[in-house]
Amino acid sequence: TPHSSPQFSHDSEYELFAQLIRPRMHTEEYHQLETDMQDAGLDPGAKWPKGMLEWAWSHARDGKHKEIRGLGRACIKDWGMYAFSDLGL
């Protein structure tokens, strides 16, 4: 379902995520995400913002990075279709 495994398939989704995350780059959650990626041997800046968004989404099962995942969810182009269908529109 789109709620459990959304598809980030449009460049505009990553561009929007980059705009939304920039004001939060000094938060504890952002720094924790960078640290988690580095601990896994990844460079958070190498494929920014795409790699960061995909990492936050794929590692969300442990309850981490909720705010960053929320920003990502807001960027998914197809998400609106599901939101409207939930409202019966």
Protein backbone atom coordinates (compact mmCIF):
# COMPACT_ATOMS: atom_id res chain seq x y z
CA THR A 1 0.00 0.00 0.00
CA PRO A 2 1.15 3.59 -0.40
CA HIS A 3 1.05 4.05 3.35
CA SER A 4 3.64 1.35 4.02
CA SER A 5 5.94 1.64 1.00
CA PRO A 6 5.52 4.83 -0.99
CA GLN A 7 7.31 5.29 -4.27
CA PHE A 8 9.54 8.32 -4.57
CA SER A 9 9.65 8.40 -8.35
CA HIS A 10 9.66 12.06 -9.33
CA ASP A 11 12.60 14.46 -9.13
CA SER A 12 10.19 17.11 -7.89
CA GLU A 13 9.52 14.98 -4.80
CA TYR A 14 13.19 15.12 -3.85
CA GLU A 15 13.39 18.84 -4.66
CA LEU A 16 10.43 19.54 -2.39
CA PHE A 17 11.93 17.38 0.36
CA ALA A 18 15.19 19.34 0.09
CA GLN A 19 13.27 22.59 0.54
CA LEU A 20 11.36 21.26 3.54
CA ILE A 21 14.38 19.71 5.28
CA ARG A 22 16.75 22.69 4.98
CA PRO A 23 15.25 24.62 7.93
CA ARG A 24 15.56 21.45 10.05
CA MET A 25 19.21 20.69 9.25
CA HIS A 26 20.30 21.80 12.73
CA THR A 27 17.84 19.61 14.63
CA GLU A 28 18.81 16.62 16.73
CA GLU A 29 16.78 14.29 14.52
CA TYR A 30 18.62 15.43 11.38
CA HIS A 31 22.01 14.95 13.03
CA GLN A 32 20.96 11.51 14.27
CA LEU A 33 19.97 10.55 10.74
CA GLU A 34 23.37 11.66 9.45
CA THR A 35 25.08 9.66 12.20
CA ASP A 36 23.00 6.54 11.47
CA MET A 37 23.93 6.73 7.80
CA GLN A 38 27.62 7.24 8.59
CA ASP A 39 27.55 4.31 11.02
CA ALA A 40 26.27 2.19 8.13
CA GLY A 41 29.20 3.32 5.98
CA LEU A 42 27.20 5.78 3.89
CA ASP A 43 27.91 9.42 3.11
CA PRO A 44 24.73 11.41 3.85
CA GLY A 45 25.80 14.14 1.45
CA ALA A 46 26.71 11.88 -1.46
CA LYS A 47 23.19 11.52 -2.84
CA TRP A 48 21.49 14.30 -0.93
CA PRO A 49 18.57 14.67 -0.62
CA LYS A 50 17.48 11.45 -2.35
CA GLY A 51 19.68 9.11 -0.33
CA MET A 52 18.72 10.72 2.96
CA LEU A 53 15.00 10.54 2.28
CA GLU A 54 15.19 6.93 1.16
CA TRP A 55 17.31 5.98 4.19
CA ALA A 56 14.89 7.66 6.62
CA TRP A 57 11.96 5.92 4.98
CA SER A 58 13.50 2.46 4.79
CA HIS A 59 14.75 2.54 8.39
CA ALA A 60 11.55 3.85 9.92
CA ARG A 61 10.42 0.51 11.32
CA ASP A 62 12.45 1.14 14.45
CA GLY A 63 10.48 4.33 15.13
CA LYS A 64 13.32 6.67 14.22
CA HIS A 65 13.23 9.76 12.04
CA LYS A 66 9.48 10.34 12.37
CA GLU A 67 9.62 14.04 11.52
CA ILE A 68 11.82 13.46 8.48
CA ARG A 69 9.53 10.65 7.30
CA GLY A 70 6.59 13.00 7.69
CA LEU A 71 8.30 15.52 5.45
CA GLY A 72 8.92 12.79 2.90
CA ARG A 73 5.31 11.65 3.03
CA ALA A 74 4.21 15.21 2.29
CA CYS A 75 6.34 15.17 -0.88
CA ILE A 76 4.92 12.06 -2.52
CA LYS A 77 3.02 13.15 -5.61
CA ASP A 78 0.62 10.22 -5.54
CA TRP A 79 -0.11 10.59 -1.82
CA GLY A 80 -2.79 13.20 -2.46
CA MET A 81 -4.83 10.73 -4.45
CA TYR A 82 -5.01 8.42 -1.46
CA ALA A 83 -5.77 11.25 0.94
CA PHE A 84 -8.65 12.41 -1.25
CA SER A 85 -9.97 8.88 -1.66
CA ASP A 86 -9.91 8.49 2.12
CA LEU A 87 -12.17 11.53 2.33
CA GLY A 88 -14.47 10.17 -0.34
CA LEU A 89 -13.58 12.96 -2.77
